[in-house]
Amino acid sequence: MKRIVLSLVVLAMVACQKPSTGSFGEAFDAKGALPYTQAMDQYIAGKDTVYTIQGKVENVCQGEGCWLTFKNDSNEFLINTREKFSMPKDCKGKTAIAKGKFITGEEGEIEFTPTGVIIQ
C-alpha cells in the first residue's frame, strides 16, 4: 500500500511540473524577433509598438515563474508577465522569445510586458 501511495505522489509531482521549453501565454509567430537591446534602442528612439524580442535567460522567478531577465554586459533586463501567465522555473540559460510592449516606469526604468513567451 505504501508503494502505491508513494507512486501516486511521485506521479502527481511529475504531472504538475511545467516543461522547461515551449510556449507560454498567448501563441505568436517568432519570426523577425530582434535582440532585445536592438528593440529597446528603437523604443527609446520613439518607436512605441509591439515587439518580438529574444535573449538568453539569466534569471527566472522561483516563486510563480512570473518574470525572467535577459543579461546585457553587467545589466539585467526584466520581462514581467504581471502574473498573467507563468513560465518554467528551470529555463535559466535557454533562449527566450517574447512578444509584447516596453513600459517605462515612473523612475525611468524600462521593462517588457509580454503577451506570450517561447522558451527554446
PDB file of N, CA and C in Angstrom:
ATOM      1  N   MET A   1       0.820  -1.192   0.000  1.00  0.00           N
ATOM      2  CA  MET A   1       0.000   0.000   0.000  1.00  0.00           C
ATOM      3  C   MET A   1       0.864   1.255   0.000  1.00  0.00           C
ATOM      4  N   LYS A   2       1.966   1.250   0.797  1.00  0.00           N
ATOM      5  CA  LYS A   2       2.861   2.405   0.846  1.00  0.00           C
ATOM      6  C   LYS A   2       3.459   2.676  -0.522  1.00  0.00           C
ATOM      7  N   ARG A   3       3.808   1.646  -1.257  1.00  0.00           N
ATOM      8  CA  ARG A   3       4.391   1.812  -2.590  1.00  0.00           C
ATOM      9  C   ARG A   3       3.387   2.463  -3.541  1.00  0.00           C
ATOM     10  N   ILE A   4       2.137   2.075  -3.446  1.00  0.00           N
ATOM     11  CA  ILE A   4       1.104   2.641  -4.318  1.00  0.00           C
ATOM     12  C   ILE A   4       0.935   4.127  -4.022  1.00  0.00           C
ATOM     13  N   VAL A   5       0.849   4.486  -2.749  1.00  0.00           N
ATOM     14  CA  VAL A   5       0.687   5.885  -2.359  1.00  0.00           C
ATOM     15  C   VAL A   5       1.917   6.685  -2.792  1.00  0.00           C
ATOM     16  N   LEU A   6       3.108   6.179  -2.554  1.00  0.00           N
ATOM     17  CA  LEU A   6       4.330   6.858  -2.954  1.00  0.00           C
ATOM     18  C   LEU A   6       4.386   7.028  -4.467  1.00  0.00           C
ATOM     19  N   SER A   7       4.018   6.001  -5.200  1.00  0.00           N
ATOM     20  CA  SER A   7       3.998   6.090  -6.664  1.00  0.00           C
ATOM     21  C   SER A   7       3.017   7.154  -7.138  1.00  0.00           C
ATOM     22  N   LEU A   8       1.856   7.233  -6.517  1.00  0.00           N
ATOM     23  CA  LEU A   8       0.868   8.244  -6.887  1.00  0.00           C
ATOM     24  C   LEU A   8       1.361   9.656  -6.581  1.00  0.00           C
ATOM     25  N   VAL A   9       2.038   9.834  -5.458  1.00  0.00           N
ATOM     26  CA  VAL A   9       2.581  11.144  -5.098  1.00  0.00           C
ATOM     27  C   VAL A   9       3.645  11.568  -6.112  1.00  0.00           C
ATOM     28  N   VAL A  10       4.556  10.686  -6.442  1.00  0.00           N
ATOM     29  CA  VAL A  10       5.606  10.990  -7.417  1.00  0.00           C
ATOM     30  C   VAL A  10       4.994  11.289  -8.776  1.00  0.00           C
ATOM     31  N   LEU A  11       4.042  10.507  -9.198  1.00  0.00           N
ATOM     32  CA  LEU A  11       3.373  10.726 -10.478  1.00  0.00           C
ATOM     33  C   LEU A  11       2.674  12.083 -10.504  1.00  0.00           C
ATOM     34  N   ALA A  12       2.018  12.453  -9.425  1.00  0.00           N
ATOM     35  CA  ALA A  12       1.336  13.752  -9.347  1.00  0.00           C
ATOM     36  C   ALA A  12       2.338  14.899  -9.416  1.00  0.00           C
ATOM     37  N   MET A  13       3.478  14.760  -8.773  1.00  0.00           N
ATOM     38  CA  MET A  13       4.500  15.809  -8.805  1.00  0.00           C
ATOM     39  C   MET A  13       5.049  15.983 -10.212  1.00  0.00           C
ATOM     40  N   VAL A  14       5.318  14.914 -10.888  1.00  0.00           N
ATOM     41  CA  VAL A  14       5.842  14.970 -12.254  1.00  0.00           C
ATOM     42  C   VAL A  14       4.807  15.565 -13.192  1.00  0.00           C
ATOM     43  N   ALA A  15       3.565  15.208 -13.033  1.00  0.00           N
ATOM     44  CA  ALA A  15       2.497  15.701 -13.909  1.00  0.00           C
ATOM     45  C   ALA A  15       2.264  17.192 -13.733  1.00  0.00           C
ATOM     46  N   CYS A  16       2.550  17.750 -12.565  1.00  0.00           N
ATOM     47  CA  CYS A  16       2.310  19.167 -12.296  1.00  0.00           C
ATOM     48  C   CYS A  16       3.457  20.071 -12.713  1.00  0.00           C
ATOM     49  N   GLN A  17       4.601  19.530 -13.051  1.00  0.00           N
ATOM     50  CA  GLN A  17       5.748  20.348 -13.437  1.00  0.00           C
ATOM     51  C   GLN A  17       5.568  20.885 -14.851  1.00  0.00           C
ATOM     52  N   LYS A  18       5.968  22.145 -15.030  1.00  0.00           N
ATOM     53  CA  LYS A  18       5.959  22.743 -16.365  1.00  0.00           C
ATOM     54  C   LYS A  18       7.174  22.229 -17.122  1.00  0.00           C
ATOM     55  N   PRO A  19       7.024  22.009 -18.428  1.00  0.00           N
ATOM     56  CA  PRO A  19       8.198  21.660 -19.216  1.00  0.00           C
ATOM     57  C   PRO A  19       9.136  22.857 -19.266  1.00  0.00           C
ATOM     58  N   SER A  20      10.441  22.627 -19.425  1.00  0.00           N
ATOM     59  CA  SER A  20      11.399  23.734 -19.417  1.00  0.00           C
ATOM     60  C   SER A  20      11.452  24.473 -20.747  1.00  0.00           C
ATOM     61  N   THR A  21      10.765  23.975 -21.773  1.00  0.00           N
ATOM     62  CA  THR A  21      10.682  24.662 -23.054  1.00  0.00           C
ATOM     63  C   THR A  21       9.231  24.654 -23.522  1.00  0.00           C
ATOM     64  N   GLY A  22       8.922  25.513 -24.488  1.00  0.00           N
ATOM     65  CA  GLY A  22       7.571  25.550 -25.037  1.00  0.00           C
ATOM     66  C   GLY A  22       7.021  26.955 -25.088  1.00  0.00           C
ATOM     67  N   SER A  23       5.719  27.062 -25.365  1.00  0.00           N
ATOM     68  CA  SER A  23       5.037  28.351 -25.459  1.00  0.00           C
ATOM     69  C   SER A  23       4.219  28.596 -24.202  1.00  0.00           C
ATOM     70  N   PHE A  24       4.245  29.825 -23.725  1.00  0.00           N
ATOM     71  CA  PHE A  24       3.533  30.211 -22.508  1.00  0.00           C
ATOM     72  C   PHE A  24       2.814  31.520 -22.781  1.00  0.00           C
ATOM     73  N   GLY A  25       1.596  31.667 -22.295  1.00  0.00           N
ATOM     74  CA  GLY A  25       0.795  32.845 -22.598  1.00  0.00           C
ATOM     75  C   GLY A  25       0.173  32.695 -23.976  1.00  0.00           C
ATOM     76  N   GLU A  26      -0.054  33.821 -24.664  1.00  0.00           N
ATOM     77  CA  GLU A  26      -0.648  33.796 -25.997  1.00  0.00           C
ATOM     78  C   GLU A  26       0.340  33.259 -27.023  1.00  0.00           C
ATOM     79  N   ALA A  27      -0.167  32.453 -27.961  1.00  0.00           N
ATOM     80  CA  ALA A  27       0.674  31.936 -29.043  1.00  0.00           C
ATOM     81  C   ALA A  27       0.994  33.070 -30.012  1.00  0.00           C
ATOM     82  N   PHE A  28       2.190  33.038 -30.604  1.00  0.00           N
ATOM     83  CA  PHE A  28       2.589  34.048 -31.577  1.00  0.00           C
ATOM     84  C   PHE A  28       3.662  33.477 -32.493  1.00  0.00           C
ATOM     85  N   ASP A  29       3.893  34.179 -33.605  1.00  0.00           N
ATOM     86  CA  ASP A  29       4.911  33.796 -34.572  1.00  0.00           C
ATOM     87  C   ASP A  29       6.229  34.453 -34.174  1.00  0.00           C
ATOM     88  N   ALA A  30       7.261  33.673 -33.983  1.00  0.00           N
ATOM     89  CA  ALA A  30       8.548  34.187 -33.520  1.00  0.00           C
ATOM     90  C   ALA A  30       9.419  34.751 -34.643  1.00  0.00           C
ATOM     91  N   LYS A  31       8.951  34.674 -35.869  1.00  0.00           N
ATOM     92  CA  LYS A  31       9.741  35.191 -36.989  1.00  0.00           C
ATOM     93  C   LYS A  31       9.986  36.681 -36.811  1.00  0.00           C
ATOM     94  N   GLY A  32      11.186  37.105 -37.161  1.00  0.00           N
ATOM     95  CA  GLY A  32      11.535  38.516 -37.100  1.00  0.00           C
ATOM     96  C   GLY A  32      11.872  39.020 -35.715  1.00  0.00           C
ATOM     97  N   ALA A  33      12.097  38.114 -34.768  1.00  0.00           N
ATOM     98  CA  ALA A  33      12.452  38.538 -33.415  1.00  0.00           C
ATOM     99  C   ALA A  33      13.771  39.303 -33.439  1.00  0.00           C
ATOM    100  N   LEU A  34      13.812  40.394 -32.692  1.00  0.00           N
ATOM    101  CA  LEU A  34      15.006  41.228 -32.594  1.00  0.00           C
ATOM    102  C   LEU A  34      15.735  40.943 -31.291  1.00  0.00           C
ATOM    103  N   PRO A  35      17.058  41.096 -31.286  1.00  0.00           N
ATOM    104  CA  PRO A  35      17.738  41.077 -29.992  1.00  0.00           C
ATOM    105  C   PRO A  35      17.108  42.167 -29.121  1.00  0.00           C
ATOM    106  N   TYR A  36      16.899  41.894 -27.858  1.00  0.00           N
ATOM    107  CA  TYR A  36      16.162  42.835 -27.019  1.00  0.00           C
ATOM    108  C   TYR A  36      16.843  44.192 -26.945  1.00  0.00           C
ATOM    109  N   THR A  37      18.179  44.245 -27.045  1.00  0.00           N
ATOM    110  CA  THR A  37      18.880  45.531 -26.993  1.00  0.00           C
ATOM    111  C   THR A  37      18.541  46.383 -28.215  1.00  0.00           C
ATOM    112  N   GLN A  38      18.434  45.767 -29.364  1.00  0.00           N
ATOM    113  CA  GLN A  38      18.093  46.489 -30.595  1.00  0.00           C
ATOM    114  C   GLN A  38      16.648  47.002 -30.515  1.00  0.00           C
ATOM    115  N   ALA A  39      15.736  46.170 -30.056  1.00  0.00           N
ATOM    116  CA  ALA A  39      14.339  46.592 -29.917  1.00  0.00           C
ATOM    117  C   ALA A  39      14.219  47.725 -28.901  1.00  0.00           C
ATOM    118  N   MET A  40      14.967  47.647 -27.798  1.00  0.00           N
ATOM    119  CA  MET A  40      14.917  48.691 -26.787  1.00  0.00           C
ATOM    120  C   MET A  40      15.448  50.013 -27.352  1.00  0.00           C
ATOM    121  N   ASP A  41      16.489  49.951 -28.152  1.00  0.00           N
ATOM    122  CA  ASP A  41      17.006  51.162 -28.802  1.00  0.00           C
ATOM    123  C   ASP A  41      15.927  51.807 -29.668  1.00  0.00           C
ATOM    124  N   GLN A  42      15.162  50.996 -30.407  1.00  0.00           N
ATOM    125  CA  GLN A  42      14.071  51.519 -31.228  1.00  0.00           C
ATOM    126  C   GLN A  42      12.993  52.160 -30.352  1.00  0.00           C
ATOM    127  N   TYR A  43      12.688  51.511 -29.235  1.00  0.00           N
ATOM    128  CA  TYR A  43      11.684  52.050 -28.312  1.00  0.00           C
ATOM    129  C   TYR A  43      12.148  53.396 -27.747  1.00  0.00           C
ATOM    130  N   ILE A  44      13.396  53.474 -27.322  1.00  0.00           N
ATOM    131  CA  ILE A  44      13.939  54.714 -26.759  1.00  0.00           C
ATOM    132  C   ILE A  44      13.936  55.826 -27.810  1.00  0.00           C
ATOM    133  N   ALA A  45      14.160  55.452 -29.076  1.00  0.00           N
ATOM    134  CA  ALA A  45      14.153  56.426 -30.167  1.00  0.00           C
ATOM    135  C   ALA A  45      12.740  56.901 -30.521  1.00  0.00           C
ATOM    136  N   GLY A  46      11.722  56.350 -29.892  1.00  0.00           N
ATOM    137  CA  GLY A  46      10.363  56.828 -30.091  1.00  0.00           C
ATOM    138  C   GLY A  46       9.425  55.888 -30.822  1.00  0.00           C
ATOM    139  N   LYS A  47       9.897  54.718 -31.217  1.00  0.00           N
ATOM    140  CA  LYS A  47       9.021  53.773 -31.901  1.00  0.00           C
ATOM    141  C   LYS A  47       8.325  52.909 -30.856  1.00  0.00           C
ATOM    142  N   ASP A  48       7.116  53.349 -30.467  1.00  0.00           N
ATOM    143  CA  ASP A  48       6.340  52.635 -29.449  1.00  0.00           C
ATOM    144  C   ASP A  48       5.378  51.686 -30.159  1.00  0.00           C
ATOM    145  N   THR A  49       5.718  50.422 -30.188  1.00  0.00           N
ATOM    146  CA  THR A  49       4.940  49.425 -30.902  1.00  0.00           C
ATOM    147  C   THR A  49       5.043  48.088 -30.182  1.00  0.00           C
ATOM    148  N   VAL A  50       4.419  47.079 -30.721  1.00  0.00           N
ATOM    149  CA  VAL A  50       4.563  45.720 -30.198  1.00  0.00           C
ATOM    150  C   VAL A  50       5.849  45.143 -30.794  1.00  0.00           C
ATOM    151  N   TYR A  51       6.659  44.568 -29.949  1.00  0.00           N
ATOM    152  CA  TYR A  51       7.931  43.999 -30.376  1.00  0.00           C
ATOM    153  C   TYR A  51       7.955  42.497 -30.113  1.00  0.00           C
ATOM    154  N   THR A  52       8.750  41.804 -30.917  1.00  0.00           N
ATOM    155  CA  THR A  52       9.097  40.416 -30.638  1.00  0.00           C
ATOM    156  C   THR A  52      10.595  40.427 -30.383  1.00  0.00           C
ATOM    157  N   ILE A  53      10.971  40.146 -29.136  1.00  0.00           N
ATOM    158  CA  ILE A  53      12.371  40.242 -28.721  1.00  0.00           C
ATOM    159  C   ILE A  53      12.905  38.867 -28.339  1.00  0.00           C
ATOM    160  N   GLN A  54      14.227  38.755 -28.343  1.00  0.00           N
ATOM    161  CA  GLN A  54      14.835  37.497 -27.901  1.00  0.00           C
ATOM    162  C   GLN A  54      16.094  37.777 -27.100  1.00  0.00           C
ATOM    163  N   GLY A  55      16.428  36.829 -26.255  1.00  0.00           N
ATOM    164  CA  GLY A  55      17.629  36.922 -25.445  1.00  0.00           C
ATOM    165  C   GLY A  55      17.836  35.625 -24.690  1.00  0.00           C
ATOM    166  N   LYS A  56      18.932  35.580 -23.971  1.00  0.00           N
ATOM    167  CA  LYS A  56      19.257  34.411 -23.159  1.00  0.00           C
ATOM    168  C   LYS A  56      18.777  34.666 -21.732  1.00  0.00           C
ATOM    169  N   VAL A  57      18.065  33.704 -21.183  1.00  0.00           N
ATOM    170  CA  VAL A  57      17.511  33.850 -19.834  1.00  0.00           C
ATOM    171  C   VAL A  57      18.642  33.821 -18.810  1.00  0.00           C
ATOM    172  N   GLU A  58      18.722  34.891 -18.034  1.00  0.00           N
ATOM    173  CA  GLU A  58      19.719  34.997 -16.974  1.00  0.00           C
ATOM    174  C   GLU A  58      19.148  34.527 -15.638  1.00  0.00           C
ATOM    175  N   ASN A  59      17.934  34.954 -15.323  1.00  0.00           N
ATOM    176  CA  ASN A  59      17.262  34.574 -14.080  1.00  0.00           C
ATOM    177  C   ASN A  59      15.780  34.397 -14.341  1.00  0.00           C
ATOM    178  N   VAL A  60      15.122  33.654 -13.477  1.00  0.00           N
ATOM    179  CA  VAL A  60      13.674  33.446 -13.584  1.00  0.00           C
ATOM    180  C   VAL A  60      13.087  33.402 -12.180  1.00  0.00           C
ATOM    181  N   CYS A  61      11.875  33.923 -12.043  1.00  0.00           N
ATOM    182  CA  CYS A  61      11.174  33.920 -10.759  1.00  0.00           C
ATOM    183  C   CYS A  61      11.036  32.481 -10.261  1.00  0.00           C
ATOM    184  N   GLN A  62      11.480  32.236  -9.043  1.00  0.00           N
ATOM    185  CA  GLN A  62      11.383  30.899  -8.474  1.00  0.00           C
ATOM    186  C   GLN A  62      10.113  30.713  -7.659  1.00  0.00           C
ATOM    187  N   GLY A  63       9.323  31.780  -7.521  1.00  0.00           N
ATOM    188  CA  GLY A  63       8.046  31.657  -6.811  1.00  0.00           C
ATOM    189  C   GLY A  63       6.963  31.166  -7.748  1.00  0.00           C
ATOM    190  N   GLU A  64       6.524  32.030  -8.649  1.00  0.00           N
ATOM    191  CA  GLU A  64       5.421  31.719  -9.557  1.00  0.00           C
ATOM    192  C   GLU A  64       5.850  31.606 -11.016  1.00  0.00           C
ATOM    193  N   GLY A  65       7.103  31.899 -11.334  1.00  0.00           N
ATOM    194  CA  GLY A  65       7.547  31.879 -12.727  1.00  0.00           C
ATOM    195  C   GLY A  65       6.966  33.055 -13.502  1.00  0.00           C
ATOM    196  N   CYS A  66       6.747  34.198 -12.833  1.00  0.00           N
ATOM    197  CA  CYS A  66       6.052  35.334 -13.447  1.00  0.00           C
ATOM    198  C   CYS A  66       6.986  36.341 -14.111  1.00  0.00           C
ATOM    199  N   TRP A  67       8.289  36.195 -13.962  1.00  0.00           N
ATOM    200  CA  TRP A  67       9.219  37.084 -14.634  1.00  0.00           C
ATOM    201  C   TRP A  67      10.500  36.330 -14.971  1.00  0.00           C
ATOM    202  N   LEU A  68      11.235  36.895 -15.922  1.00  0.00           N
ATOM    203  CA  LEU A  68      12.582  36.413 -16.215  1.00  0.00           C
ATOM    204  C   LEU A  68      13.416  37.609 -16.614  1.00  0.00           C
ATOM    205  N   THR A  69      14.737  37.433 -16.635  1.00  0.00           N
ATOM    206  CA  THR A  69      15.619  38.517 -17.049  1.00  0.00           C
ATOM    207  C   THR A  69      16.551  38.043 -18.147  1.00  0.00           C
ATOM    208  N   PHE A  70      16.901  38.992 -19.028  1.00  0.00           N
ATOM    209  CA  PHE A  70      17.966  38.816 -20.000  1.00  0.00           C
ATOM    210  C   PHE A  70      19.143  39.624 -19.485  1.00  0.00           C
ATOM    211  N   LYS A  71      20.363  39.236 -19.846  1.00  0.00           N
ATOM    212  CA  LYS A  71      21.535  39.971 -19.395  1.00  0.00           C
ATOM    213  C   LYS A  71      22.253  40.586 -20.581  1.00  0.00           C
ATOM    214  N   ASN A  72      22.651  41.845 -20.418  1.00  0.00           N
ATOM    215  CA  ASN A  72      23.439  42.571 -21.402  1.00  0.00           C
ATOM    216  C   ASN A  72      24.625  43.161 -20.650  1.00  0.00           C
ATOM    217  N   ASP A  73      25.832  42.675 -20.925  1.00  0.00           N
ATOM    218  CA  ASP A  73      27.020  43.091 -20.176  1.00  0.00           C
ATOM    219  C   ASP A  73      26.772  42.826 -18.693  1.00  0.00           C
ATOM    220  N   SER A  74      26.721  43.884 -17.885  1.00  0.00           N
ATOM    221  CA  SER A  74      26.508  43.671 -16.448  1.00  0.00           C
ATOM    222  C   SER A  74      25.089  44.023 -16.016  1.00  0.00           C
ATOM    223  N   ASN A  75      24.227  44.436 -16.962  1.00  0.00           N
ATOM    224  CA  ASN A  75      22.860  44.820 -16.635  1.00  0.00           C
ATOM    225  C   ASN A  75      21.883  43.689 -16.945  1.00  0.00           C
ATOM    226  N   GLU A  76      20.865  43.568 -16.097  1.00  0.00           N
ATOM    227  CA  GLU A  76      19.792  42.613 -16.363  1.00  0.00           C
ATOM    228  C   GLU A  76      18.548  43.385 -16.773  1.00  0.00           C
ATOM    229  N   PHE A  77      17.817  42.830 -17.738  1.00  0.00           N
ATOM    230  CA  PHE A  77      16.618  43.464 -18.271  1.00  0.00           C
ATOM    231  C   PHE A  77      15.418  42.592 -17.919  1.00  0.00           C
ATOM    232  N   LEU A  78      14.376  43.183 -17.340  1.00  0.00           N
ATOM    233  CA  LEU A  78      13.228  42.455 -16.802  1.00  0.00           C
ATOM    234  C   LEU A  78      12.129  42.252 -17.833  1.00  0.00           C
ATOM    235  N   ILE A  79      11.663  41.012 -17.955  1.00  0.00           N
ATOM    236  CA  ILE A  79      10.476  40.643 -18.713  1.00  0.00           C
ATOM    237  C   ILE A  79       9.474  40.185 -17.658  1.00  0.00           C
ATOM    238  N   ASN A  80       8.398  40.962 -17.454  1.00  0.00           N
ATOM    239  CA  ASN A  80       7.483  40.738 -16.350  1.00  0.00           C
ATOM    240  C   ASN A  80       6.083  40.440 -16.874  1.00  0.00           C
ATOM    241  N   THR A  81       5.575  39.247 -16.636  1.00  0.00           N
ATOM    242  CA  THR A  81       4.249  38.856 -17.119  1.00  0.00           C
ATOM    243  C   THR A  81       3.130  39.462 -16.289  1.00  0.00           C
ATOM    244  N   ARG A  82       3.477  40.102 -15.176  1.00  0.00           N
ATOM    245  CA  ARG A  82       2.484  40.664 -14.267  1.00  0.00           C
ATOM    246  C   ARG A  82       1.475  39.594 -13.836  1.00  0.00           C
ATOM    247  N   GLU A  83       1.992  38.374 -13.723  1.00  0.00           N
ATOM    248  CA  GLU A  83       1.246  37.196 -13.264  1.00  0.00           C
ATOM    249  C   GLU A  83       0.054  36.831 -14.148  1.00  0.00           C
ATOM    250  N   LYS A  84       0.089  37.236 -15.424  1.00  0.00           N
ATOM    251  CA  LYS A  84      -0.959  36.835 -16.369  1.00  0.00           C
ATOM    252  C   LYS A  84      -0.747  35.401 -16.828  1.00  0.00           C
ATOM    253  N   PHE A  85       0.494  34.945 -16.805  1.00  0.00           N
ATOM    254  CA  PHE A  85       0.843  33.552 -17.080  1.00  0.00           C
ATOM    255  C   PHE A  85       2.189  33.294 -16.440  1.00  0.00           C
ATOM    256  N   SER A  86       2.542  32.031 -16.282  1.00  0.00           N
ATOM    257  CA  SER A  86       3.825  31.697 -15.672  1.00  0.00           C
ATOM    258  C   SER A  86       4.693  30.910 -16.645  1.00  0.00           C
ATOM    259  N   MET A  87       5.983  30.962 -16.373  1.00  0.00           N
ATOM    260  CA  MET A  87       6.980  30.290 -17.203  1.00  0.00           C
ATOM    261  C   MET A  87       7.726  29.266 -16.350  1.00  0.00           C
ATOM    262  N   PRO A  88       8.435  28.342 -16.984  1.00  0.00           N
ATOM    263  CA  PRO A  88       9.141  27.316 -16.204  1.00  0.00           C
ATOM    264  C   PRO A  88      10.253  27.926 -15.356  1.00  0.00           C
ATOM    265  N   LYS A  89      10.385  27.427 -14.158  1.00  0.00           N
ATOM    266  CA  LYS A  89      11.385  27.938 -13.231  1.00  0.00           C
ATOM    267  C   LYS A  89      12.796  27.453 -13.546  1.00  0.00           C
ATOM    268  N   ASP A  90      12.919  26.474 -14.446  1.00  0.00           N
ATOM    269  CA  ASP A  90      14.234  25.912 -14.766  1.00  0.00           C
ATOM    270  C   ASP A  90      14.701  26.289 -16.182  1.00  0.00           C
ATOM    271  N   CYS A  91      14.335  27.493 -16.650  1.00  0.00           N
ATOM    272  CA  CYS A  91      14.699  27.884 -18.015  1.00  0.00           C
ATOM    273  C   CYS A  91      15.956  28.745 -18.088  1.00  0.00           C
ATOM    274  N   LYS A  92      16.650  28.939 -16.982  1.00  0.00           N
ATOM    275  CA  LYS A  92      17.882  29.733 -16.984  1.00  0.00           C
ATOM    276  C   LYS A  92      18.869  29.153 -17.995  1.00  0.00           C
ATOM    277  N   GLY A  93      19.459  30.058 -18.810  1.00  0.00           N
ATOM    278  CA  GLY A  93      20.442  29.653 -19.807  1.00  0.00           C
ATOM    279  C   GLY A  93      19.837  29.333 -21.168  1.00  0.00           C
ATOM    280  N   LYS A  94      18.523  29.232 -21.237  1.00  0.00           N
ATOM    281  CA  LYS A  94      17.855  28.934 -22.511  1.00  0.00           C
ATOM    282  C   LYS A  94      17.549  30.242 -23.248  1.00  0.00           C
ATOM    283  N   THR A  95      17.262  30.139 -24.542  1.00  0.00           N
ATOM    284  CA  THR A  95      16.857  31.293 -25.329  1.00  0.00           C
ATOM    285  C   THR A  95      15.361  31.498 -25.162  1.00  0.00           C
ATOM    286  N   ALA A  96      14.973  32.753 -24.935  1.00  0.00           N
ATOM    287  CA  ALA A  96      13.557  33.097 -24.811  1.00  0.00           C
ATOM    288  C   ALA A  96      13.204  34.128 -25.875  1.00  0.00           C
ATOM    289  N   ILE A  97      12.015  33.989 -26.435  1.00  0.00           N
ATOM    290  CA  ILE A  97      11.467  34.943 -27.391  1.00  0.00           C
ATOM    291  C   ILE A  97      10.143  35.412 -26.798  1.00  0.00           C
ATOM    292  N   ALA A  98       9.977  36.729 -26.700  1.00  0.00           N
ATOM    293  CA  ALA A  98       8.783  37.285 -26.072  1.00  0.00           C
ATOM    294  C   ALA A  98       8.138  38.320 -26.986  1.00  0.00           C
ATOM    295  N   LYS A  99       6.818  38.345 -26.998  1.00  0.00           N
ATOM    296  CA  LYS A  99       6.081  39.341 -27.776  1.00  0.00           C
ATOM    297  C   LYS A  99       5.296  40.210 -26.810  1.00  0.00           C
ATOM    298  N   GLY A 100       5.442  41.540 -26.958  1.00  0.00           N
ATOM    299  CA  GLY A 100       4.744  42.458 -26.071  1.00  0.00           C
ATOM    300  C   GLY A 100       5.211  43.880 -26.270  1.00  0.00           C
ATOM    301  N   LYS A 101       5.134  44.663 -25.177  1.00  0.00           N
ATOM    302  CA  LYS A 101       5.467  46.081 -25.240  1.00  0.00           C
ATOM    303  C   LYS A 101       6.451  46.460 -24.143  1.00  0.00           C
ATOM    304  N   PHE A 102       7.285  47.452 -24.453  1.00  0.00           N
ATOM    305  CA  PHE A 102       8.146  48.064 -23.451  1.00  0.00           C
ATOM    306  C   PHE A 102       7.308  49.030 -22.630  1.00  0.00           C
ATOM    307  N   ILE A 103       7.657  49.156 -21.360  1.00  0.00           N
ATOM    308  CA  ILE A 103       6.991  50.082 -20.459  1.00  0.00           C
ATOM    309  C   ILE A 103       8.078  50.833 -19.698  1.00  0.00           C
ATOM    310  N   THR A 104       7.942  52.143 -19.624  1.00  0.00           N
ATOM    311  CA  THR A 104       8.859  52.957 -18.833  1.00  0.00           C
ATOM    312  C   THR A 104       8.180  53.304 -17.525  1.00  0.00           C
ATOM    313  N   GLY A 105       8.839  52.966 -16.426  1.00  0.00           N
ATOM    314  CA  GLY A 105       8.285  53.234 -15.104  1.00  0.00           C
ATOM    315  C   GLY A 105       8.461  54.676 -14.689  1.00  0.00           C
ATOM    316  N   GLU A 106       7.919  55.014 -13.533  1.00  0.00           N
ATOM    317  CA  GLU A 106       7.972  56.382 -13.017  1.00  0.00           C
ATOM    318  C   GLU A 106       9.397  56.872 -12.789  1.00  0.00           C
ATOM    319  N   GLU A 107      10.296  55.960 -12.486  1.00  0.00           N
ATOM    320  CA  GLU A 107      11.683  56.348 -12.223  1.00  0.00           C
ATOM    321  C   GLU A 107      12.572  56.184 -13.451  1.00  0.00           C
ATOM    322  N   GLY A 108      11.965  55.946 -14.625  1.00  0.00           N
ATOM    323  CA  GLY A 108      12.722  55.858 -15.868  1.00  0.00           C
ATOM    324  C   GLY A 108      13.207  54.464 -16.224  1.00  0.00           C
ATOM    325  N   GLU A 109      12.939  53.475 -15.369  1.00  0.00           N
ATOM    326  CA  GLU A 109      13.362  52.103 -15.665  1.00  0.00           C
ATOM    327  C   GLU A 109      12.474  51.532 -16.769  1.00  0.00           C
ATOM    328  N   ILE A 110      13.079  50.752 -17.650  1.00  0.00           N
ATOM    329  CA  ILE A 110      12.348  50.147 -18.761  1.00  0.00           C
ATOM    330  C   ILE A 110      12.255  48.653 -18.522  1.00  0.00           C
ATOM    331  N   GLU A 111      11.044  48.122 -18.679  1.00  0.00           N
ATOM    332  CA  GLU A 111      10.843  46.678 -18.624  1.00  0.00           C
ATOM    333  C   GLU A 111       9.932  46.285 -19.779  1.00  0.00           C
ATOM    334  N   PHE A 112       9.776  44.991 -19.965  1.00  0.00           N
ATOM    335  CA  PHE A 112       8.994  44.471 -21.079  1.00  0.00           C
ATOM    336  C   PHE A 112       7.845  43.662 -20.515  1.00  0.00           C
ATOM    337  N   THR A 113       6.632  43.930 -20.984  1.00  0.00           N
ATOM    338  CA  THR A 113       5.455  43.182 -20.559  1.00  0.00           C
ATOM    339  C   THR A 113       4.975  42.343 -21.739  1.00  0.00           C
ATOM    340  N   PRO A 114       5.189  41.029 -21.688  1.00  0.00           N
ATOM    341  CA  PRO A 114       4.830  40.174 -22.814  1.00  0.00           C
ATOM    342  C   PRO A 114       3.389  39.671 -22.749  1.00  0.00           C
ATOM    343  N   THR A 115       2.858  39.366 -23.931  1.00  0.00           N
ATOM    344  CA  THR A 115       1.582  38.661 -24.002  1.00  0.00           C
ATOM    345  C   THR A 115       1.835  37.167 -24.168  1.00  0.00           C
ATOM    346  N   GLY A 116       3.050  36.820 -24.602  1.00  0.00           N
ATOM    347  CA  GLY A 116       3.443  35.431 -24.764  1.00  0.00           C
ATOM    348  C   GLY A 116       4.955  35.287 -24.776  1.00  0.00           C
ATOM    349  N   VAL A 117       5.428  34.104 -24.395  1.00  0.00           N
ATOM    350  CA  VAL A 117       6.866  33.813 -24.356  1.00  0.00           C
ATOM    351  C   VAL A 117       7.083  32.398 -24.892  1.00  0.00           C
ATOM    352  N   ILE A 118       8.114  32.252 -25.707  1.00  0.00           N
ATOM    353  CA  ILE A 118       8.542  30.929 -26.175  1.00  0.00           C
ATOM    354  C   ILE A 118       9.916  30.680 -25.576  1.00  0.00           C
ATOM    355  N   ILE A 119      10.068  29.562 -24.886  1.00  0.00           N
ATOM    356  CA  ILE A 119      11.363  29.155 -24.330  1.00  0.00           C
ATOM    357  C   ILE A 119      11.895  28.035 -25.215  1.00  0.00           C
ATOM    358  N   GLN A 120      13.104  28.214 -25.747  1.00  0.00           N
ATOM    359  CA  GLN A 120      13.686  27.202 -26.625  1.00  0.00           C
ATOM    360  C   GLN A 120      14.788  26.431 -25.925  1.00  0.00           C
TER     361      GLN A 120
END
